[in-house]
N, C-alpha and C. Protein backbone atom coordinates (compact mmCIF):
# COMPACT_ATOMS: atom_id res chain seq x y z
N MET A 1 83.82 -45.76 5.08
CA MET A 1 83.20 -44.70 6.24
C MET A 1 82.60 -43.11 5.81
N PRO A 2 81.31 -43.47 5.83
CA PRO A 2 80.43 -41.92 5.49
C PRO A 2 81.37 -40.72 6.18
N ASN A 3 80.93 -39.56 5.11
CA ASN A 3 82.10 -38.34 5.23
C ASN A 3 80.68 -37.37 5.61
N TYR A 4 80.24 -36.92 7.13
CA TYR A 4 78.73 -36.54 7.07
C TYR A 4 78.99 -34.94 7.34
N ARG A 5 78.38 -33.99 6.13
CA ARG A 5 78.75 -32.84 5.84
C ARG A 5 78.01 -31.83 6.82
N ARG A 6 78.43 -31.32 7.70
CA ARG A 6 77.99 -30.23 8.89
C ARG A 6 78.41 -29.12 8.47
N ALA A 7 77.19 -28.39 9.10
CA ALA A 7 77.70 -26.79 8.54
C ALA A 7 79.08 -26.02 9.38
N SER A 8 79.94 -25.37 9.18
CA SER A 8 81.03 -24.80 9.46
C SER A 8 80.77 -23.17 9.71
N ILE A 9 80.23 -23.28 10.62
CA ILE A 9 79.93 -21.18 10.39
C ILE A 9 80.66 -20.82 11.98
N LYS A 10 81.71 -20.22 12.03
CA LYS A 10 82.01 -19.37 12.89
C LYS A 10 80.96 -18.48 13.40
N GLY A 11 81.06 -18.77 15.04
CA GLY A 11 80.19 -17.63 15.35
C GLY A 11 78.32 -18.02 14.84
N GLY A 12 78.08 -19.08 14.77
CA GLY A 12 76.64 -19.37 14.34
C GLY A 12 75.67 -19.55 15.25
N LEU A 13 74.68 -19.87 14.87
CA LEU A 13 73.53 -20.04 15.70
C LEU A 13 72.99 -21.38 15.11
N PHE A 14 72.84 -22.74 16.24
CA PHE A 14 72.74 -23.59 15.72
C PHE A 14 71.37 -24.28 16.42
N PHE A 15 70.72 -25.14 15.88
CA PHE A 15 69.20 -25.91 16.53
C PHE A 15 70.06 -27.45 16.56
N PHE A 16 69.88 -27.75 17.58
CA PHE A 16 70.43 -29.40 17.53
C PHE A 16 69.05 -30.40 18.32
N THR A 17 69.09 -31.97 17.97
CA THR A 17 68.19 -32.47 18.42
C THR A 17 69.34 -33.63 18.88
N VAL A 18 69.55 -33.97 19.99
CA VAL A 18 70.22 -35.09 20.50
C VAL A 18 69.49 -36.54 20.71
N VAL A 19 69.69 -37.44 19.99
CA VAL A 19 68.02 -38.73 21.10
C VAL A 19 68.60 -39.67 21.72
N LEU A 20 68.38 -39.85 22.59
CA LEU A 20 69.04 -41.53 22.99
C LEU A 20 68.99 -42.67 22.37
N GLU A 21 69.74 -43.78 22.10
CA GLU A 21 69.41 -44.81 21.51
C GLU A 21 67.99 -45.77 21.83
N ASP A 22 67.56 -45.68 23.09
CA ASP A 22 66.71 -46.36 23.59
C ASP A 22 65.50 -45.04 23.61
N ARG A 23 64.57 -44.67 22.82
CA ARG A 23 63.36 -44.17 22.45
C ARG A 23 62.23 -44.24 23.39
N THR A 24 62.73 -45.39 23.99
CA THR A 24 61.63 -46.02 25.56
C THR A 24 62.14 -45.15 26.77
N SER A 25 63.42 -44.82 26.75
CA SER A 25 63.80 -44.49 27.80
C SER A 25 63.50 -43.52 28.43
N HIS A 26 63.72 -43.21 29.95
CA HIS A 26 63.78 -42.21 30.12
C HIS A 26 64.75 -41.58 31.11
N LEU A 27 65.69 -41.96 30.99
CA LEU A 27 67.53 -42.08 31.23
C LEU A 27 67.62 -39.92 31.55
N LEU A 28 67.15 -39.63 30.44
CA LEU A 28 67.63 -38.10 30.79
C LEU A 28 66.92 -37.59 31.88
N VAL A 29 65.56 -37.52 31.66
CA VAL A 29 65.06 -36.81 33.23
C VAL A 29 65.59 -37.75 34.42
N GLU A 30 65.51 -38.89 34.40
CA GLU A 30 66.18 -39.61 35.48
C GLU A 30 67.01 -39.22 35.83
N GLN A 31 68.00 -38.96 35.02
CA GLN A 31 69.38 -38.50 35.74
C GLN A 31 69.80 -36.99 35.24
N ILE A 32 68.83 -36.11 35.18
CA ILE A 32 69.05 -34.62 34.97
C ILE A 32 69.93 -34.07 35.54
N ASP A 33 70.18 -34.11 36.82
CA ASP A 33 71.63 -33.80 37.80
C ASP A 33 72.83 -34.11 36.95
N ARG A 34 73.09 -35.43 36.84
CA ARG A 34 74.45 -35.72 35.79
C ARG A 34 74.28 -35.29 34.55
N PHE A 35 73.14 -34.57 33.58
CA PHE A 35 73.39 -34.12 32.46
C PHE A 35 73.69 -32.49 32.53
N ARG A 36 72.91 -31.80 33.49
CA ARG A 36 73.29 -31.02 34.12
C ARG A 36 74.85 -30.40 33.92
N SER A 37 75.50 -31.53 34.88
CA SER A 37 76.91 -31.35 35.55
C SER A 37 77.37 -31.69 34.35
N CYS A 38 77.33 -32.13 33.24
CA CYS A 38 78.08 -32.57 32.08
C CYS A 38 77.55 -31.74 30.87
N TYR A 39 76.70 -30.91 30.70
CA TYR A 39 76.40 -29.98 30.25
C TYR A 39 77.46 -28.73 30.20
N ARG A 40 77.06 -28.52 32.15
CA ARG A 40 78.14 -27.16 32.13
C ARG A 40 79.50 -27.78 32.35
N VAL A 41 80.11 -28.95 32.29
CA VAL A 41 81.42 -28.72 32.19
C VAL A 41 82.17 -28.53 30.83
N ALA A 42 80.59 -29.09 29.57
CA ALA A 42 81.59 -28.63 28.63
C ALA A 42 81.07 -27.81 28.35
N GLN A 43 80.57 -26.88 28.85
CA GLN A 43 80.07 -25.18 28.78
C GLN A 43 81.51 -24.18 29.15
N GLU A 44 81.82 -24.92 30.07
CA GLU A 44 83.14 -24.46 30.69
C GLU A 44 83.84 -24.30 29.49
N ARG A 45 84.56 -25.71 29.34
CA ARG A 45 85.63 -26.07 28.76
C ARG A 45 85.80 -25.27 26.99
N ARG A 46 84.47 -25.23 26.64
CA ARG A 46 84.77 -25.01 25.14
C ARG A 46 83.05 -23.95 25.17
N PRO A 47 83.28 -23.09 25.43
CA PRO A 47 82.43 -21.99 25.77
C PRO A 47 81.13 -21.89 24.98
N PHE A 48 80.47 -21.75 25.06
CA PHE A 48 78.72 -21.50 24.28
C PHE A 48 77.71 -21.33 25.13
N GLU A 49 76.83 -20.42 24.38
CA GLU A 49 76.09 -19.84 24.69
C GLU A 49 74.50 -20.93 24.64
N THR A 50 73.53 -20.86 25.36
CA THR A 50 72.58 -21.86 25.71
C THR A 50 71.19 -20.69 25.40
N ILE A 51 70.87 -20.48 24.23
CA ILE A 51 69.73 -19.63 23.79
C ILE A 51 68.28 -20.58 24.36
N ALA A 52 68.14 -21.42 24.16
CA ALA A 52 66.61 -22.07 24.65
C ALA A 52 66.91 -23.86 24.65
N ILE A 53 66.42 -24.68 25.30
CA ILE A 53 66.70 -26.26 25.94
C ILE A 53 65.56 -26.48 26.27
N CYS A 54 65.43 -27.64 25.79
CA CYS A 54 64.16 -28.79 26.66
C CYS A 54 64.89 -30.12 26.81
N VAL A 55 65.09 -30.88 27.58
CA VAL A 55 65.44 -31.83 28.00
C VAL A 55 64.19 -32.60 28.17
N LEU A 56 63.96 -33.80 27.20
CA LEU A 56 62.69 -34.53 27.56
C LEU A 56 63.54 -36.03 28.10
N PRO A 57 62.41 -37.16 28.46
CA PRO A 57 63.06 -38.06 28.86
C PRO A 57 63.82 -39.05 27.92
N ASP A 58 64.03 -39.12 26.68
CA ASP A 58 64.57 -39.59 25.87
C ASP A 58 65.38 -38.90 24.59
N HIS A 59 65.42 -37.51 24.41
CA HIS A 59 65.86 -36.42 23.96
C HIS A 59 65.74 -35.42 24.24
N LEU A 60 66.51 -34.41 23.36
CA LEU A 60 66.38 -32.67 23.79
C LEU A 60 66.75 -32.30 22.56
N HIS A 61 66.36 -30.91 22.79
CA HIS A 61 66.12 -30.04 21.75
C HIS A 61 66.78 -28.77 22.33
N VAL A 62 67.79 -27.47 21.60
CA VAL A 62 68.78 -27.30 22.15
C VAL A 62 68.96 -25.90 20.77
N VAL A 63 68.80 -24.17 21.21
CA VAL A 63 69.77 -23.42 20.21
C VAL A 63 71.01 -23.25 20.94
N TRP A 64 72.36 -23.23 20.39
CA TRP A 64 73.19 -22.50 20.73
C TRP A 64 73.58 -21.65 19.78
N ALA A 65 74.35 -20.71 20.44
CA ALA A 65 75.35 -19.37 19.95
C ALA A 65 76.83 -19.98 20.10
N LEU A 66 77.54 -20.06 19.53
CA LEU A 66 79.02 -20.02 19.75
C LEU A 66 79.71 -18.99 19.24
N ARG A 67 80.98 -18.82 19.81
CA ARG A 67 81.64 -17.93 20.09
C ARG A 67 82.22 -17.01 18.29
N ASP A 68 82.62 -16.05 18.12
CA ASP A 68 82.78 -15.60 16.73
C ASP A 68 83.98 -16.17 16.01
N ASP A 69 84.83 -16.84 16.91
CA ASP A 69 86.28 -17.44 16.55
C ASP A 69 85.91 -19.20 16.42
N ASP A 70 84.61 -19.76 16.78
CA ASP A 70 84.56 -21.09 16.85
C ASP A 70 83.45 -21.87 16.22
N ALA A 71 83.30 -23.11 15.12
CA ALA A 71 82.39 -23.29 14.85
C ALA A 71 82.30 -24.67 14.98
N ASP A 72 83.10 -25.31 16.15
CA ASP A 72 83.43 -26.58 16.67
C ASP A 72 82.74 -27.14 17.54
N TYR A 73 81.38 -27.55 17.01
CA TYR A 73 79.81 -27.83 17.84
C TYR A 73 80.26 -29.35 18.10
N PRO A 74 80.67 -30.21 16.97
CA PRO A 74 81.13 -31.55 17.18
C PRO A 74 81.51 -32.14 18.72
N ILE A 75 82.50 -31.37 19.08
CA ILE A 75 83.36 -31.69 20.02
C ILE A 75 82.78 -31.13 21.50
N ARG A 76 81.79 -30.54 21.37
CA ARG A 76 80.87 -30.08 22.26
C ARG A 76 79.79 -31.51 22.92
N TRP A 77 79.65 -31.69 21.45
CA TRP A 77 78.16 -32.67 21.83
C TRP A 77 79.18 -33.91 22.21
N ALA A 78 80.34 -34.34 21.89
CA ALA A 78 81.04 -35.39 22.02
C ALA A 78 81.80 -35.07 23.50
N LEU A 79 81.84 -34.03 24.26
CA LEU A 79 82.14 -34.05 25.64
C LEU A 79 81.34 -34.11 26.63
N ILE A 80 79.63 -33.42 25.98
CA ILE A 80 78.44 -34.03 26.98
C ILE A 80 78.18 -35.15 26.44
N LYS A 81 77.84 -36.13 25.69
CA LYS A 81 77.77 -37.62 25.49
C LYS A 81 78.51 -38.42 26.19
N SER A 82 79.56 -38.29 26.06
CA SER A 82 80.87 -38.89 26.94
C SER A 82 80.88 -38.60 28.10
N GLY A 83 80.72 -37.60 28.67
CA GLY A 83 80.32 -37.46 30.15
C GLY A 83 79.45 -38.10 30.50
N PHE A 84 78.02 -37.57 30.06
CA PHE A 84 76.86 -37.82 30.50
C PHE A 84 76.80 -40.03 30.60
N SER A 85 77.66 -40.33 29.71
CA SER A 85 77.53 -41.97 29.30
C SER A 85 78.65 -42.34 30.64
N ARG A 86 79.74 -41.95 31.06
CA ARG A 86 80.58 -42.30 31.63
C ARG A 86 79.99 -42.61 33.02
N GLY A 87 80.43 -44.06 33.52
CA GLY A 87 79.85 -44.25 34.50
C GLY A 87 78.10 -45.28 34.75
N LEU A 88 77.90 -44.86 33.45
CA LEU A 88 76.17 -45.53 33.35
C LEU A 88 76.94 -46.71 33.07
N LYS A 89 75.72 -47.66 33.44
CA LYS A 89 75.74 -49.04 32.63
C LYS A 89 75.80 -49.08 31.31
N SER A 90 76.25 -49.65 30.66
CA SER A 90 75.72 -50.01 29.09
C SER A 90 74.64 -50.45 28.65
N GLN A 91 74.42 -49.78 27.63
CA GLN A 91 72.60 -50.44 27.77
C GLN A 91 72.97 -51.33 26.22
N LYS A 92 73.61 -51.32 25.45
CA LYS A 92 74.20 -52.71 24.37
C LYS A 92 75.17 -53.00 24.26
N HIS A 93 75.64 -54.66 23.64
CA HIS A 93 76.62 -55.06 24.09
C HIS A 93 76.86 -55.51 22.38
N SER A 94 77.74 -54.98 21.69
CA SER A 94 78.50 -54.93 20.44
C SER A 94 80.25 -54.71 20.11
N ARG A 95 80.18 -55.71 19.29
CA ARG A 95 82.16 -55.24 19.16
C ARG A 95 82.20 -53.99 18.64
N SER A 96 81.21 -53.49 17.22
CA SER A 96 81.29 -52.34 17.00
C SER A 96 81.28 -51.11 18.31
N LEU A 97 80.15 -51.28 19.08
CA LEU A 97 80.22 -49.98 19.99
C LEU A 97 81.63 -50.16 21.19
N SER A 98 81.85 -51.77 21.34
CA SER A 98 83.13 -51.83 22.54
C SER A 98 84.65 -51.56 21.97
N ALA A 99 84.46 -51.22 20.31
CA ALA A 99 86.14 -50.80 19.39
C ALA A 99 85.65 -49.45 19.71
N LYS A 100 84.57 -48.85 19.57
CA LYS A 100 84.69 -47.04 19.91
C LYS A 100 84.50 -46.79 21.09
N ARG A 101 84.60 -47.42 21.92
CA ARG A 101 84.30 -47.15 23.19
C ARG A 101 82.99 -46.95 23.74
N GLU A 102 82.05 -46.87 22.86
CA GLU A 102 80.56 -46.82 23.26
C GLU A 102 79.80 -47.78 24.06
N LYS A 103 78.84 -47.01 24.49
CA LYS A 103 78.25 -47.64 25.55
C LYS A 103 76.16 -47.98 25.19
N GLY A 104 76.17 -47.27 23.75
CA GLY A 104 74.71 -47.91 23.41
C GLY A 104 73.80 -46.87 23.76
N ILE A 105 74.33 -46.02 24.66
CA ILE A 105 73.01 -44.71 24.92
C ILE A 105 72.37 -44.01 24.52
N TRP A 106 73.29 -43.28 23.61
CA TRP A 106 73.05 -42.14 22.48
C TRP A 106 73.14 -42.78 21.15
N GLN A 107 72.08 -42.06 20.22
CA GLN A 107 72.39 -42.43 19.12
C GLN A 107 73.78 -41.71 18.67
N ARG A 108 74.29 -42.15 17.70
CA ARG A 108 75.63 -41.62 17.36
C ARG A 108 75.62 -40.33 16.59
N ARG A 109 74.41 -39.75 15.80
CA ARG A 109 74.34 -38.60 15.10
C ARG A 109 73.61 -38.24 15.94
N TYR A 110 73.38 -36.93 15.15
CA TYR A 110 72.64 -35.98 15.63
C TYR A 110 71.88 -35.05 14.69
N TRP A 111 70.73 -34.31 15.10
CA TRP A 111 70.03 -33.53 13.54
C TRP A 111 70.61 -31.84 14.50
N GLU A 112 71.30 -31.34 13.06
CA GLU A 112 71.61 -29.81 13.15
C GLU A 112 71.33 -29.07 12.47
N HIS A 113 70.69 -27.81 12.73
CA HIS A 113 70.38 -26.94 11.76
C HIS A 113 70.91 -25.78 11.94
N ALA A 114 71.37 -24.95 10.70
CA ALA A 114 71.82 -23.52 11.19
C ALA A 114 70.96 -22.47 10.90
N ILE A 115 70.59 -21.39 11.95
CA ILE A 115 69.63 -20.83 12.06
C ILE A 115 69.95 -19.84 11.07
N ARG A 116 68.51 -19.43 10.24
CA ARG A 116 69.35 -18.56 8.69
C ARG A 116 68.71 -17.09 9.53
N ASP A 117 67.71 -16.84 10.55
CA ASP A 117 67.22 -15.60 10.50
C ASP A 117 66.66 -15.19 11.90
N ASP A 118 65.85 -14.37 12.03
CA ASP A 118 65.68 -14.09 13.01
C ASP A 118 64.05 -14.71 13.17
N ALA A 119 63.18 -15.04 12.35
CA ALA A 119 61.99 -15.96 12.12
C ALA A 119 62.42 -17.45 12.19
N ASP A 120 63.57 -17.63 11.66
CA ASP A 120 64.15 -18.99 11.84
C ASP A 120 64.28 -19.70 13.34
N LEU A 121 64.82 -18.51 14.17
CA LEU A 121 65.65 -18.81 15.29
C LEU A 121 63.93 -18.87 16.07
N ALA A 122 63.20 -17.76 16.28
CA ALA A 122 62.24 -17.61 16.87
C ALA A 122 60.79 -19.08 16.65
N ARG A 123 60.77 -19.80 15.44
CA ARG A 123 60.02 -20.99 15.34
C ARG A 123 60.88 -22.21 16.21
N HIS A 124 62.29 -22.11 15.53
CA HIS A 124 63.10 -23.18 16.50
C HIS A 124 62.91 -23.39 18.23
N ILE A 125 62.54 -22.21 18.59
CA ILE A 125 62.74 -21.69 20.25
C ILE A 125 61.16 -22.08 20.68
N ASP A 126 60.08 -21.79 19.72
CA ASP A 126 58.92 -22.43 20.03
C ASP A 126 58.52 -23.53 20.34
N TYR A 127 59.39 -24.12 19.18
CA TYR A 127 59.55 -25.81 19.08
C TYR A 127 60.27 -26.23 20.08
N ILE A 128 60.77 -25.54 20.75
CA ILE A 128 61.62 -26.36 21.47
C ILE A 128 60.50 -26.27 23.35
N HIS A 129 60.35 -25.50 22.99
CA HIS A 129 59.29 -25.07 24.26
C HIS A 129 58.22 -25.94 24.33
N PHE A 130 57.83 -25.98 23.03
CA PHE A 130 56.39 -26.56 23.29
C PHE A 130 56.53 -28.53 23.02
N ASN A 131 57.71 -28.55 22.65
CA ASN A 131 57.85 -30.33 22.77
C ASN A 131 57.67 -31.15 23.73
N PRO A 132 57.29 -30.94 24.77
CA PRO A 132 56.99 -31.21 26.29
C PRO A 132 55.37 -31.61 26.11
N VAL A 133 54.63 -30.83 25.12
CA VAL A 133 53.00 -30.82 24.85
C VAL A 133 53.24 -31.80 23.90
N LYS A 134 53.94 -31.29 22.47
CA LYS A 134 53.85 -32.26 21.31
C LYS A 134 54.07 -33.96 21.87
N HIS A 135 54.60 -34.21 22.88
CA HIS A 135 55.26 -35.88 23.21
C HIS A 135 54.20 -36.24 24.27
N ASP A 136 53.07 -35.31 24.85
CA ASP A 136 52.35 -35.72 25.77
C ASP A 136 52.49 -35.88 27.34
N HIS A 137 53.87 -35.02 27.65
CA HIS A 137 54.24 -35.22 28.33
C HIS A 137 53.70 -34.45 29.82
N VAL A 138 53.31 -33.34 29.24
CA VAL A 138 52.23 -32.51 29.50
C VAL A 138 50.99 -32.07 29.13
N SER A 139 50.26 -31.11 29.33
CA SER A 139 49.27 -30.74 28.72
C SER A 139 49.12 -29.15 28.33
N ARG A 140 50.40 -28.46 29.73
CA ARG A 140 50.62 -27.47 29.32
C ARG A 140 52.05 -26.98 29.43
N VAL A 141 52.73 -26.09 28.62
CA VAL A 141 54.30 -25.68 28.80
C VAL A 141 54.73 -25.78 29.99
N ALA A 142 54.05 -24.88 30.42
CA ALA A 142 54.82 -24.34 31.73
C ALA A 142 54.51 -25.46 32.61
N ASP A 143 54.10 -26.47 32.83
CA ASP A 143 54.44 -27.71 33.81
C ASP A 143 55.64 -28.53 33.24
N TRP A 144 56.55 -28.56 32.30
CA TRP A 144 57.42 -29.19 31.99
C TRP A 144 58.75 -28.35 32.93
N PRO A 145 59.44 -29.31 33.97
CA PRO A 145 60.84 -28.46 34.58
C PRO A 145 61.76 -27.95 34.12
N HIS A 146 62.28 -29.27 33.04
CA HIS A 146 63.33 -29.08 32.22
C HIS A 146 63.19 -28.29 30.92
N SER A 147 62.99 -27.27 31.55
CA SER A 147 63.02 -26.34 30.02
C SER A 147 63.08 -24.57 30.17
N SER A 148 64.06 -24.19 29.41
CA SER A 148 64.32 -22.83 29.13
C SER A 148 63.14 -21.41 29.51
N PHE A 149 62.13 -22.42 29.09
CA PHE A 149 61.15 -21.66 28.59
C PHE A 149 60.45 -20.78 30.07
N HIS A 150 60.88 -21.61 31.20
CA HIS A 150 60.59 -20.84 32.61
C HIS A 150 61.71 -19.85 32.55
N ARG A 151 63.00 -19.95 32.32
CA ARG A 151 63.70 -18.41 31.86
C ARG A 151 63.41 -17.33 30.73
N PHE A 152 62.33 -17.61 30.15
CA PHE A 152 61.95 -16.93 29.02
C PHE A 152 60.61 -16.03 30.01
N VAL A 153 59.96 -16.88 30.49
CA VAL A 153 58.93 -16.69 31.50
C VAL A 153 59.25 -15.12 32.54
N GLU A 154 60.36 -15.72 33.02
CA GLU A 154 60.79 -14.85 34.20
C GLU A 154 61.36 -13.57 33.67
N ARG A 155 61.71 -13.42 32.26
CA ARG A 155 62.21 -12.42 31.77
C ARG A 155 61.58 -11.33 31.02
N GLY A 156 60.38 -12.13 30.95
CA GLY A 156 58.92 -11.33 30.15
C GLY A 156 59.23 -11.64 28.76
N TRP A 157 59.50 -12.54 27.91
CA TRP A 157 59.87 -12.68 26.73
C TRP A 157 58.78 -13.93 26.32
N LEU A 158 57.91 -14.42 27.28
CA LEU A 158 57.01 -15.42 26.99
C LEU A 158 55.70 -15.16 28.58
N ALA A 159 54.71 -15.13 27.88
CA ALA A 159 53.49 -15.12 29.25
C ALA A 159 53.55 -16.61 29.46
N ALA A 160 53.02 -16.63 30.76
CA ALA A 160 52.92 -18.05 31.63
C ALA A 160 52.32 -19.12 30.80
N ASP A 161 51.45 -18.51 30.24
CA ASP A 161 50.32 -19.38 29.51
C ASP A 161 50.24 -19.80 27.88
N TRP A 162 52.12 -19.33 27.42
CA TRP A 162 52.23 -19.09 26.20
C TRP A 162 51.96 -20.77 25.94
N GLY A 163 51.42 -20.94 24.69
CA GLY A 163 51.14 -22.12 24.31
C GLY A 163 50.00 -23.22 24.33
N GLY A 164 49.25 -22.42 24.91
CA GLY A 164 48.11 -22.70 25.60
C GLY A 164 47.23 -23.35 24.51
N ASP A 165 47.12 -23.03 23.64
CA ASP A 165 46.13 -23.05 22.80
C ASP A 165 46.85 -23.97 21.30
N VAL A 166 48.13 -24.01 21.38
CA VAL A 166 48.78 -24.47 20.31
C VAL A 166 48.35 -25.96 20.05
N LYS A 167 48.16 -26.17 18.71
CA LYS A 167 48.33 -27.72 18.87
C LYS A 167 49.60 -28.69 18.18
N GLU A 168 50.45 -27.52 17.13
CA GLU A 168 52.08 -28.19 16.44
C GLU A 168 52.46 -27.13 16.27
N ILE A 169 53.74 -27.23 16.28
CA ILE A 169 54.41 -25.65 15.66
C ILE A 169 54.80 -26.38 14.13
N ALA A 170 54.71 -25.80 13.18
CA ALA A 170 54.96 -26.33 11.82
C ALA A 170 56.41 -26.28 11.66
N GLY A 171 57.15 -27.22 10.95
CA GLY A 171 58.62 -27.00 10.45
C GLY A 171 58.75 -28.33 10.46
N SER A 172 60.21 -28.80 10.05
CA SER A 172 61.56 -30.01 9.94
C SER A 172 62.28 -29.73 11.54
N PHE A 173 62.04 -30.63 12.61
CA PHE A 173 62.93 -30.13 13.31
C PHE A 173 64.00 -31.18 13.93
N GLY A 174 64.19 -32.30 13.19
CA GLY A 174 65.24 -33.45 13.06
C GLY A 174 64.45 -34.92 14.14
N GLU A 175 63.00 -34.86 14.29
CA GLU A 175 62.54 -35.40 14.92
C GLU A 175 61.91 -37.22 14.18
């Protein structure tokens, strides 16, 4: 069995890309209230701060800040993914999935990146907020409802028309 190496940084800042198994699915936005509820429960059970987030139909991007004494983001993803999947109809049926009590809704792994500095953080936040435009879900960042972009605008950190003439955010973000 592979031993995936994950960064273990107590109090770290991390960028994640988490993807549904079916990349043509719209399950995350169709079930956005379910996702938000599971996310909130995980956050209450294992506190973390959400710096930026964007939920798209088949995947999501997020930056988390963990507590100073904590590096265990995998347990948080397990709580979110299992909570979201519980009660949903299985997407695939196989012995492997059944043995692991999985429903085939999520890809088993996810992309994580330890944020290195302020410039790296800013680049990842920009990528998160611009992602609905990148995937042609909307033509303006402000038009996507499932994004922390709106919170950034409310707080005066970004202009409401931010990203209007941007075509792409440079970098490797796990897609």
